[in-house]
Amino acid sequence: KVTQGLNFAVSAMVGQNIAAREYRRTRSIVLWG
């Protein structure tokens, strides 16, 4: 559950960046998560 907070963060950040078509940034978000 604690690390699920990181899952939530990755999901929300990816959702915004994929809509903004920031693909390289999206990839970095997943790796940091």
Full PDB file with SEQRES, HELIX, SHEET, SSBOND, CRYST1, ORIGX, SCALE, CONECT and MASTER records, all heavy atoms in Angstrom:
SEQRES   1 A   33  LYS VAL THR GLN GLY LEU ASN PHE ALA VAL SER ALA MET          
SEQRES   2 A   33  VAL GLY GLN ASN ILE ALA ALA ARG GLU TYR ARG ARG THR          
SEQRES   3 A   33  ARG SER ILE VAL LEU TRP GLY                                  
HELIX    1 AA1 GLN A    4  ALA A   19  1                                  16    
HELIX    2 AA2 TYR A   23  TRP A   32  1                                  10    
CRYST1    1.000    1.000    1.000  90.00  90.00  90.00 P 1           1          
ORIGX1      1.000000  0.000000  0.000000        0.00000                         
ORIGX2      0.000000  1.000000  0.000000        0.00000                         
ORIGX3      0.000000  0.000000  1.000000        0.00000                         
SCALE1      1.000000  0.000000  0.000000        0.00000                         
SCALE2      0.000000  1.000000  0.000000        0.00000                         
SCALE3      0.000000  0.000000  1.000000        0.00000                         
ATOM      1  N   LYS A   1       0.820  -1.203   0.000  1.00  0.00           N  
ATOM      2  CA  LYS A   1       0.000   0.000   0.000  1.00  0.00           C  
ATOM      3  C   LYS A   1       0.861   1.262   0.000  1.00  0.00           C  
ATOM      4  O   LYS A   1       0.508   2.267  -0.627  1.00  0.00           O  
ATOM      5  CB  LYS A   1      -0.928  -0.006   1.217  1.00  0.00           C  
ATOM      6  CG  LYS A   1      -2.095  -0.970   1.088  1.00  0.00           C  
ATOM      7  CD  LYS A   1      -3.109  -0.466   0.074  1.00  0.00           C  
ATOM      8  CE  LYS A   1      -4.250  -1.463  -0.142  1.00  0.00           C  
ATOM      9  NZ  LYS A   1      -5.046  -1.664   1.068  1.00  0.00           N  
ATOM     10  N   VAL A   2       1.998   1.217   0.710  1.00  0.00           N  
ATOM     11  CA  VAL A   2       2.878   2.391   0.713  1.00  0.00           C  
ATOM     12  C   VAL A   2       3.403   2.665  -0.692  1.00  0.00           C  
ATOM     13  O   VAL A   2       3.361   3.794  -1.188  1.00  0.00           O  
ATOM     14  CB  VAL A   2       4.033   2.198   1.716  1.00  0.00           C  
ATOM     15  CG1 VAL A   2       5.114   3.254   1.507  1.00  0.00           C  
ATOM     16  CG2 VAL A   2       3.513   2.278   3.146  1.00  0.00           C  
ATOM     17  N   THR A   3       3.889   1.620  -1.364  1.00  0.00           N  
ATOM     18  CA  THR A   3       4.414   1.822  -2.724  1.00  0.00           C  
ATOM     19  C   THR A   3       3.298   2.049  -3.735  1.00  0.00           C  
ATOM     20  O   THR A   3       3.556   2.533  -4.840  1.00  0.00           O  
ATOM     21  CB  THR A   3       5.264   0.619  -3.168  1.00  0.00           C  
ATOM     22  OG1 THR A   3       4.490  -0.587  -3.064  1.00  0.00           O  
ATOM     23  CG2 THR A   3       6.516   0.499  -2.315  1.00  0.00           C  
ATOM     24  N   GLN A   4       2.071   1.723  -3.372  1.00  0.00           N  
ATOM     25  CA  GLN A   4       0.952   2.030  -4.251  1.00  0.00           C  
ATOM     26  C   GLN A   4       0.815   3.541  -4.433  1.00  0.00           C  
ATOM     27  O   GLN A   4       0.303   4.013  -5.449  1.00  0.00           O  
ATOM     28  CB  GLN A   4      -0.349   1.455  -3.692  1.00  0.00           C  
ATOM     29  CG  GLN A   4      -1.508   1.489  -4.674  1.00  0.00           C  
ATOM     30  CD  GLN A   4      -2.766   0.875  -4.084  1.00  0.00           C  
ATOM     31  OE1 GLN A   4      -3.206   1.261  -2.988  1.00  0.00           O  
ATOM     32  NE2 GLN A   4      -3.357  -0.077  -4.777  1.00  0.00           N  
ATOM     33  N   GLY A   5       1.318   4.299  -3.457  1.00  0.00           N  
ATOM     34  CA  GLY A   5       1.356   5.746  -3.614  1.00  0.00           C  
ATOM     35  C   GLY A   5       2.193   6.146  -4.811  1.00  0.00           C  
ATOM     36  O   GLY A   5       1.857   7.099  -5.532  1.00  0.00           O  
ATOM     37  N   LEU A   6       3.289   5.430  -5.056  1.00  0.00           N  
ATOM     38  CA  LEU A   6       4.101   5.682  -6.242  1.00  0.00           C  
ATOM     39  C   LEU A   6       3.346   5.289  -7.503  1.00  0.00           C  
ATOM     40  O   LEU A   6       3.439   5.956  -8.544  1.00  0.00           O  
ATOM     41  CB  LEU A   6       5.418   4.913  -6.145  1.00  0.00           C  
ATOM     42  CG  LEU A   6       6.411   5.426  -5.088  1.00  0.00           C  
ATOM     43  CD1 LEU A   6       7.529   4.420  -4.870  1.00  0.00           C  
ATOM     44  CD2 LEU A   6       6.984   6.778  -5.506  1.00  0.00           C  
ATOM     45  N   ASN A   7       2.591   4.187  -7.435  1.00  0.00           N  
ATOM     46  CA  ASN A   7       1.750   3.770  -8.562  1.00  0.00           C  
ATOM     47  C   ASN A   7       0.757   4.873  -8.923  1.00  0.00           C  
ATOM     48  O   ASN A   7       0.566   5.211 -10.092  1.00  0.00           O  
ATOM     49  CB  ASN A   7       1.021   2.482  -8.194  1.00  0.00           C  
ATOM     50  CG  ASN A   7       0.411   1.757  -9.381  1.00  0.00           C  
ATOM     51  OD1 ASN A   7       0.496   0.543  -9.488  1.00  0.00           O  
ATOM     52  ND2 ASN A   7      -0.228   2.483 -10.277  1.00  0.00           N  
ATOM     53  N   PHE A   8       0.098   5.432  -7.892  1.00  0.00           N  
ATOM     54  CA  PHE A   8      -0.851   6.523  -8.110  1.00  0.00           C  
ATOM     55  C   PHE A   8      -0.165   7.720  -8.759  1.00  0.00           C  
ATOM     56  O   PHE A   8      -0.712   8.354  -9.668  1.00  0.00           O  
ATOM     57  CB  PHE A   8      -1.478   6.962  -6.789  1.00  0.00           C  
ATOM     58  CG  PHE A   8      -2.464   5.989  -6.203  1.00  0.00           C  
ATOM     59  CD1 PHE A   8      -2.690   5.954  -4.838  1.00  0.00           C  
ATOM     60  CD2 PHE A   8      -3.166   5.110  -7.009  1.00  0.00           C  
ATOM     61  CE1 PHE A   8      -3.599   5.068  -4.283  1.00  0.00           C  
ATOM     62  CE2 PHE A   8      -4.077   4.212  -6.473  1.00  0.00           C  
ATOM     63  CZ  PHE A   8      -4.290   4.189  -5.100  1.00  0.00           C  
ATOM     64  N   ALA A   9       1.036   8.046  -8.260  1.00  0.00           N  
ATOM     65  CA  ALA A   9       1.765   9.192  -8.797  1.00  0.00           C  
ATOM     66  C   ALA A   9       2.130   8.967 -10.263  1.00  0.00           C  
ATOM     67  O   ALA A   9       1.950   9.848 -11.111  1.00  0.00           O  
ATOM     68  CB  ALA A   9       3.018   9.458  -7.966  1.00  0.00           C  
ATOM     69  N   VAL A  10       2.654   7.772 -10.566  1.00  0.00           N  
ATOM     70  CA  VAL A  10       3.015   7.456 -11.950  1.00  0.00           C  
ATOM     71  C   VAL A  10       1.784   7.544 -12.849  1.00  0.00           C  
ATOM     72  O   VAL A  10       1.818   8.134 -13.937  1.00  0.00           O  
ATOM     73  CB  VAL A  10       3.651   6.050 -12.046  1.00  0.00           C  
ATOM     74  CG1 VAL A  10       3.824   5.629 -13.505  1.00  0.00           C  
ATOM     75  CG2 VAL A  10       4.997   6.028 -11.333  1.00  0.00           C  
ATOM     76  N   SER A  11       0.659   6.978 -12.399  1.00  0.00           N  
ATOM     77  CA  SER A  11      -0.562   6.966 -13.197  1.00  0.00           C  
ATOM     78  C   SER A  11      -1.047   8.379 -13.505  1.00  0.00           C  
ATOM     79  O   SER A  11      -1.365   8.710 -14.657  1.00  0.00           O  
ATOM     80  CB  SER A  11      -1.651   6.183 -12.461  1.00  0.00           C  
ATOM     81  OG  SER A  11      -2.865   6.216 -13.165  1.00  0.00           O  
ATOM     82  N   ALA A  12      -1.126   9.224 -12.477  1.00  0.00           N  
ATOM     83  CA  ALA A  12      -1.611  10.592 -12.682  1.00  0.00           C  
ATOM     84  C   ALA A  12      -0.659  11.398 -13.558  1.00  0.00           C  
ATOM     85  O   ALA A  12      -1.089  12.143 -14.451  1.00  0.00           O  
ATOM     86  CB  ALA A  12      -1.807  11.286 -11.336  1.00  0.00           C  
ATOM     87  N   MET A  13       0.658  11.252 -13.323  1.00  0.00           N  
ATOM     88  CA  MET A  13       1.638  12.006 -14.102  1.00  0.00           C  
ATOM     89  C   MET A  13       1.671  11.521 -15.551  1.00  0.00           C  
ATOM     90  O   MET A  13       1.767  12.314 -16.486  1.00  0.00           O  
ATOM     91  CB  MET A  13       3.019  11.889 -13.447  1.00  0.00           C  
ATOM     92  CG  MET A  13       3.088  12.566 -12.084  1.00  0.00           C  
ATOM     93  SD  MET A  13       4.662  12.290 -11.214  1.00  0.00           S  
ATOM     94  CE  MET A  13       5.745  13.389 -12.144  1.00  0.00           C  
ATOM     95  N   VAL A  14       1.563  10.212 -15.746  1.00  0.00           N  
ATOM     96  CA  VAL A  14       1.515   9.665 -17.109  1.00  0.00           C  
ATOM     97  C   VAL A  14       0.264  10.142 -17.828  1.00  0.00           C  
ATOM     98  O   VAL A  14       0.309  10.520 -19.011  1.00  0.00           O  
ATOM     99  CB  VAL A  14       1.559   8.120 -17.074  1.00  0.00           C  
ATOM    100  CG1 VAL A  14       1.115   7.531 -18.420  1.00  0.00           C  
ATOM    101  CG2 VAL A  14       2.963   7.638 -16.743  1.00  0.00           C  
ATOM    102  N   GLY A  15      -0.893  10.141 -17.129  1.00  0.00           N  
ATOM    103  CA  GLY A  15      -2.135  10.570 -17.751  1.00  0.00           C  
ATOM    104  C   GLY A  15      -2.037  11.973 -18.322  1.00  0.00           C  
ATOM    105  O   GLY A  15      -2.490  12.243 -19.449  1.00  0.00           O  
ATOM    106  N   GLN A  16      -1.439  12.881 -17.551  1.00  0.00           N  
ATOM    107  CA  GLN A  16      -1.296  14.250 -18.036  1.00  0.00           C  
ATOM    108  C   GLN A  16      -0.284  14.342 -19.169  1.00  0.00           C  
ATOM    109  O   GLN A  16      -0.499  15.052 -20.161  1.00  0.00           O  
ATOM    110  CB  GLN A  16      -0.889  15.173 -16.883  1.00  0.00           C  
ATOM    111  CG  GLN A  16      -1.983  15.392 -15.857  1.00  0.00           C  
ATOM    112  CD  GLN A  16      -1.656  16.506 -14.884  1.00  0.00           C  
ATOM    113  OE1 GLN A  16      -0.783  17.330 -15.138  1.00  0.00           O  
ATOM    114  NE2 GLN A  16      -2.363  16.540 -13.763  1.00  0.00           N  
ATOM    115  N   ASN A  17       0.832  13.644 -19.047  1.00  0.00           N  
ATOM    116  CA  ASN A  17       1.897  13.771 -20.039  1.00  0.00           C  
ATOM    117  C   ASN A  17       1.566  13.077 -21.347  1.00  0.00           C  
ATOM    118  O   ASN A  17       1.959  13.543 -22.418  1.00  0.00           O  
ATOM    119  CB  ASN A  17       3.216  13.241 -19.462  1.00  0.00           C  
ATOM    120  CG  ASN A  17       3.887  14.242 -18.550  1.00  0.00           C  
ATOM    121  OD1 ASN A  17       4.642  15.105 -18.996  1.00  0.00           O  
ATOM    122  ND2 ASN A  17       3.598  14.145 -17.258  1.00  0.00           N  
ATOM    123  N   ILE A  18       0.837  11.965 -21.271  1.00  0.00           N  
ATOM    124  CA  ILE A  18       0.458  11.296 -22.515  1.00  0.00           C  
ATOM    125  C   ILE A  18      -0.558  12.145 -23.269  1.00  0.00           C  
ATOM    126  O   ILE A  18      -0.563  12.195 -24.508  1.00  0.00           O  
ATOM    127  CB  ILE A  18      -0.097   9.877 -22.237  1.00  0.00           C  
ATOM    128  CG1 ILE A  18       0.055   8.994 -23.483  1.00  0.00           C  
ATOM    129  CG2 ILE A  18      -1.533   9.903 -21.790  1.00  0.00           C  
ATOM    130  CD1 ILE A  18       1.454   8.546 -23.749  1.00  0.00           C  
ATOM    131  N   ALA A  19      -1.430  12.860 -22.527  1.00  0.00           N  
ATOM    132  CA  ALA A  19      -2.388  13.755 -23.173  1.00  0.00           C  
ATOM    133  C   ALA A  19      -1.682  14.959 -23.797  1.00  0.00           C  
ATOM    134  O   ALA A  19      -2.123  15.496 -24.812  1.00  0.00           O  
ATOM    135  CB  ALA A  19      -3.441  14.226 -22.173  1.00  0.00           C  
ATOM    136  N   ALA A  20      -0.566  15.380 -23.167  1.00  0.00           N  
ATOM    137  CA  ALA A  20       0.225  16.494 -23.703  1.00  0.00           C  
ATOM    138  C   ALA A  20       1.250  16.022 -24.731  1.00  0.00           C  
ATOM    139  O   ALA A  20       2.045  16.828 -25.223  1.00  0.00           O  
ATOM    140  CB  ALA A  20       0.928  17.217 -22.561  1.00  0.00           C  
ATOM    141  N   ARG A  21       1.272  14.699 -25.022  1.00  0.00           N  
ATOM    142  CA  ARG A  21       2.184  14.069 -25.982  1.00  0.00           C  
ATOM    143  C   ARG A  21       3.655  14.267 -25.609  1.00  0.00           C  
ATOM    144  O   ARG A  21       4.518  14.430 -26.474  1.00  0.00           O  
ATOM    145  CB  ARG A  21       1.911  14.589 -27.398  1.00  0.00           C  
ATOM    146  CG  ARG A  21       0.461  14.400 -27.830  1.00  0.00           C  
ATOM    147  CD  ARG A  21       0.253  14.647 -29.300  1.00  0.00           C  
ATOM    148  NE  ARG A  21      -1.169  14.586 -29.656  1.00  0.00           N  
ATOM    149  CZ  ARG A  21      -1.879  13.467 -29.793  1.00  0.00           C  
ATOM    150  NH1 ARG A  21      -1.289  12.304 -29.612  1.00  0.00           N  
ATOM    151  NH2 ARG A  21      -3.153  13.505 -30.113  1.00  0.00           N  
ATOM    152  N   GLU A  22       3.924  14.207 -24.303  1.00  0.00           N  
ATOM    153  CA  GLU A  22       5.303  14.286 -23.797  1.00  0.00           C  
ATOM    154  C   GLU A  22       5.802  12.858 -23.553  1.00  0.00           C  
ATOM    155  O   GLU A  22       5.871  12.377 -22.428  1.00  0.00           O  
ATOM    156  CB  GLU A  22       5.341  15.107 -22.500  1.00  0.00           C  
ATOM    157  CG  GLU A  22       4.975  16.572 -22.662  1.00  0.00           C  
ATOM    158  CD  GLU A  22       6.110  17.365 -23.306  1.00  0.00           C  
ATOM    159  OE1 GLU A  22       7.231  16.838 -23.418  1.00  0.00           O  
ATOM    160  OE2 GLU A  22       5.861  18.527 -23.710  1.00  0.00           O  
ATOM    161  N   TYR A  23       6.178  12.151 -24.622  1.00  0.00           N  
ATOM    162  CA  TYR A  23       6.490  10.727 -24.526  1.00  0.00           C  
ATOM    163  C   TYR A  23       7.822  10.467 -23.811  1.00  0.00           C  
ATOM    164  O   TYR A  23       7.934   9.518 -23.018  1.00  0.00           O  
ATOM    165  CB  TYR A  23       6.510  10.104 -25.928  1.00  0.00           C  
ATOM    166  CG  TYR A  23       5.201  10.252 -26.650  1.00  0.00           C  
ATOM    167  CD1 TYR A  23       5.139  10.889 -27.887  1.00  0.00           C  
ATOM    168  CD2 TYR A  23       4.018   9.763 -26.102  1.00  0.00           C  
ATOM    169  CE1 TYR A  23       3.929  11.036 -28.563  1.00  0.00           C  
ATOM    170  CE2 TYR A  23       2.804   9.904 -26.767  1.00  0.00           C  
ATOM    171  CZ  TYR A  23       2.765  10.541 -27.987  1.00  0.00           C  
ATOM    172  OH  TYR A  23       1.571  10.691 -28.642  1.00  0.00           O  
ATOM    173  N   ARG A  24       8.831  11.258 -24.093  1.00  0.00           N  
ATOM    174  CA  ARG A  24      10.115  11.047 -23.423  1.00  0.00           C  
ATOM    175  C   ARG A  24       9.980  11.273 -21.925  1.00  0.00           C  
ATOM    176  O   ARG A  24      10.545  10.526 -21.120  1.00  0.00           O  
ATOM    177  CB  ARG A  24      11.164  11.999 -24.013  1.00  0.00           C  
ATOM    178  CG  ARG A  24      12.542  11.831 -23.386  1.00  0.00           C  
ATOM    179  CD  ARG A  24      13.583  12.728 -24.040  1.00  0.00           C  
ATOM    180  NE  ARG A  24      13.758  12.397 -25.450  1.00  0.00           N  
ATOM    181  CZ  ARG A  24      14.606  13.032 -26.262  1.00  0.00           C  
ATOM    182  NH1 ARG A  24      15.335  14.040 -25.797  1.00  0.00           N  
ATOM    183  NH2 ARG A  24      14.715  12.668 -27.521  1.00  0.00           N  
ATOM    184  N   ARG A  25       9.235  12.282 -21.564  1.00  0.00           N  
ATOM    185  CA  ARG A  25       9.015  12.564 -20.146  1.00  0.00           C  
ATOM    186  C   ARG A  25       8.204  11.427 -19.495  1.00  0.00           C  
ATOM    187  O   ARG A  25       8.472  11.050 -18.356  1.00  0.00           O  
ATOM    188  CB  ARG A  25       8.286  13.898 -20.005  1.00  0.00           C  
ATOM    189  CG  ARG A  25       8.048  14.339 -18.571  1.00  0.00           C  
ATOM    190  CD  ARG A  25       7.408  15.724 -18.522  1.00  0.00           C  
ATOM    191  NE  ARG A  25       7.037  16.083 -17.172  1.00  0.00           N  
ATOM    192  CZ  ARG A  25       7.865  16.583 -16.275  1.00  0.00           C  
ATOM    193  NH1 ARG A  25       9.136  16.789 -16.597  1.00  0.00           N  
ATOM    194  NH2 ARG A  25       7.458  16.884 -15.060  1.00  0.00           N  
ATOM    195  N   THR A  26       7.244  10.895 -20.222  1.00  0.00           N  
ATOM    196  CA  THR A  26       6.454   9.771 -19.719  1.00  0.00           C  
ATOM    197  C   THR A  26       7.351   8.577 -19.406  1.00  0.00           C  
ATOM    198  O   THR A  26       7.207   7.920 -18.367  1.00  0.00           O  
ATOM    199  CB  THR A  26       5.389   9.366 -20.752  1.00  0.00           C  
ATOM    200  OG1 THR A  26       4.505  10.472 -20.975  1.00  0.00           O  
ATOM    201  CG2 THR A  26       4.589   8.172 -20.270  1.00  0.00           C  
ATOM    202  N   ARG A  27       8.299   8.294 -20.312  1.00  0.00           N  
ATOM    203  CA  ARG A  27       9.217   7.169 -20.098  1.00  0.00           C  
ATOM    204  C   ARG A  27      10.049   7.382 -18.835  1.00  0.00           C  
ATOM    205  O   ARG A  27      10.248   6.451 -18.043  1.00  0.00           O  
ATOM    206  CB  ARG A  27      10.121   7.025 -21.325  1.00  0.00           C  
ATOM    207  CG  ARG A  27      10.950   5.752 -21.333  1.00  0.00           C  
ATOM    208  CD  ARG A  27      11.740   5.603 -22.626  1.00  0.00           C  
ATOM    209  NE  ARG A  27      10.847   5.341 -23.765  1.00  0.00           N  
ATOM    210  CZ  ARG A  27      10.543   6.237 -24.696  1.00  0.00           C  
ATOM    211  NH1 ARG A  27      11.056   7.462 -24.634  1.00  0.00           N  
ATOM    212  NH2 ARG A  27       9.735   5.920 -25.688  1.00  0.00           N  
ATOM    213  N   SER A  28      10.510   8.593 -18.614  1.00  0.00           N  
ATOM    214  CA  SER A  28      11.302   8.888 -17.410  1.00  0.00           C  
ATOM    215  C   SER A  28      10.471   8.744 -16.147  1.00  0.00           C  
ATOM    216  O   SER A  28      10.960   8.271 -15.118  1.00  0.00           O  
ATOM    217  CB  SER A  28      11.860  10.315 -17.503  1.00  0.00           C  
ATOM    218  OG  SER A  28      12.749  10.452 -18.592  1.00  0.00           O  
ATOM    219  N   ILE A  29       9.211   9.119 -16.218  1.00  0.00           N  
ATOM    220  CA  ILE A  29       8.319   8.987 -15.060  1.00  0.00           C  
ATOM    221  C   ILE A  29       8.200   7.521 -14.640  1.00  0.00           C  
ATOM    222  O   ILE A  29       8.283   7.183 -13.450  1.00  0.00           O  
ATOM    223  CB  ILE A  29       6.932   9.570 -15.395  1.00  0.00           C  
ATOM    224  CG1 ILE A  29       7.009  11.104 -15.477  1.00  0.00           C  
ATOM    225  CG2 ILE A  29       5.890   9.145 -14.361  1.00  0.00           C  
ATOM    226  CD1 ILE A  29       5.769  11.740 -16.068  1.00  0.00           C  
ATOM    227  N   VAL A  30       8.026   6.630 -15.608  1.00  0.00           N  
ATOM    228  CA  VAL A  30       7.887   5.201 -15.308  1.00  0.00           C  
ATOM    229  C   VAL A  30       9.169   4.655 -14.679  1.00  0.00           C  
ATOM    230  O   VAL A  30       9.134   3.914 -13.688  1.00  0.00           O  
ATOM    231  CB  VAL A  30       7.533   4.414 -16.585  1.00  0.00           C  
ATOM    232  CG1 VAL A  30       7.500   2.914 -16.310  1.00  0.00           C  
ATOM    233  CG2 VAL A  30       6.185   4.872 -17.132  1.00  0.00           C  
ATOM    234  N   LEU A  31      10.313   5.019 -15.221  1.00  0.00           N  
ATOM    235  CA  LEU A  31      11.591   4.534 -14.690  1.00  0.00           C  
ATOM    236  C   LEU A  31      11.836   5.043 -13.272  1.00  0.00           C  
ATOM    237  O   LEU A  31      12.326   4.291 -12.411  1.00  0.00           O  
ATOM    238  CB  LEU A  31      12.735   4.946 -15.621  1.00  0.00           C  
ATOM    239  CG  LEU A  31      12.751   4.260 -16.994  1.00  0.00           C  
ATOM    240  CD1 LEU A  31      13.822   4.871 -17.890  1.00  0.00           C  
ATOM    241  CD2 LEU A  31      12.987   2.760 -16.838  1.00  0.00           C  
ATOM    242  N   TRP A  32      11.514   6.288 -13.017  1.00  0.00           N  
ATOM    243  CA  TRP A  32      11.659   6.819 -11.663  1.00  0.00           C  
ATOM    244  C   TRP A  32      10.726   6.089 -10.696  1.00  0.00           C  
ATOM    245  O   TRP A  32      11.104   5.807  -9.545  1.00  0.00           O  
ATOM    246  CB  TRP A  32      11.374   8.315 -11.647  1.00  0.00           C  
ATOM    247  CG  TRP A  32      12.575   9.170 -11.952  1.00  0.00           C  
ATOM    248  CD1 TRP A  32      12.828   9.864 -13.099  1.00  0.00           C  
ATOM    249  CD2 TRP A  32      13.690   9.393 -11.088  1.00  0.00           C  
ATOM    250  NE1 TRP A  32      14.039  10.519 -13.011  1.00  0.00           N  
ATOM    251  CE2 TRP A  32      14.593  10.254 -11.788  1.00  0.00           C  
ATOM    252  CE3 TRP A  32      14.025   8.964  -9.814  1.00  0.00           C  
ATOM    253  CZ2 TRP A  32      15.797  10.679 -11.231  1.00  0.00           C  
ATOM    254  CZ3 TRP A  32      15.225   9.397  -9.247  1.00  0.00           C  
ATOM    255  CH2 TRP A  32      16.095  10.236  -9.958  1.00  0.00           C  
ATOM    256  N   GLY A  33       9.511   5.776 -11.138  1.00  0.00           N  
ATOM    257  CA  GLY A  33       8.589   5.037 -10.282  1.00  0.00           C  
ATOM    258  C   GLY A  33       9.120   3.667  -9.907  1.00  0.00           C  
ATOM    259  O   GLY A  33       9.022   3.233  -8.748  1.00  0.00           O  
TER     260      GLY A  33                                                      
MASTER        0    0    0    2    0    0    0    6  259    1    0    3          
END                                                                             
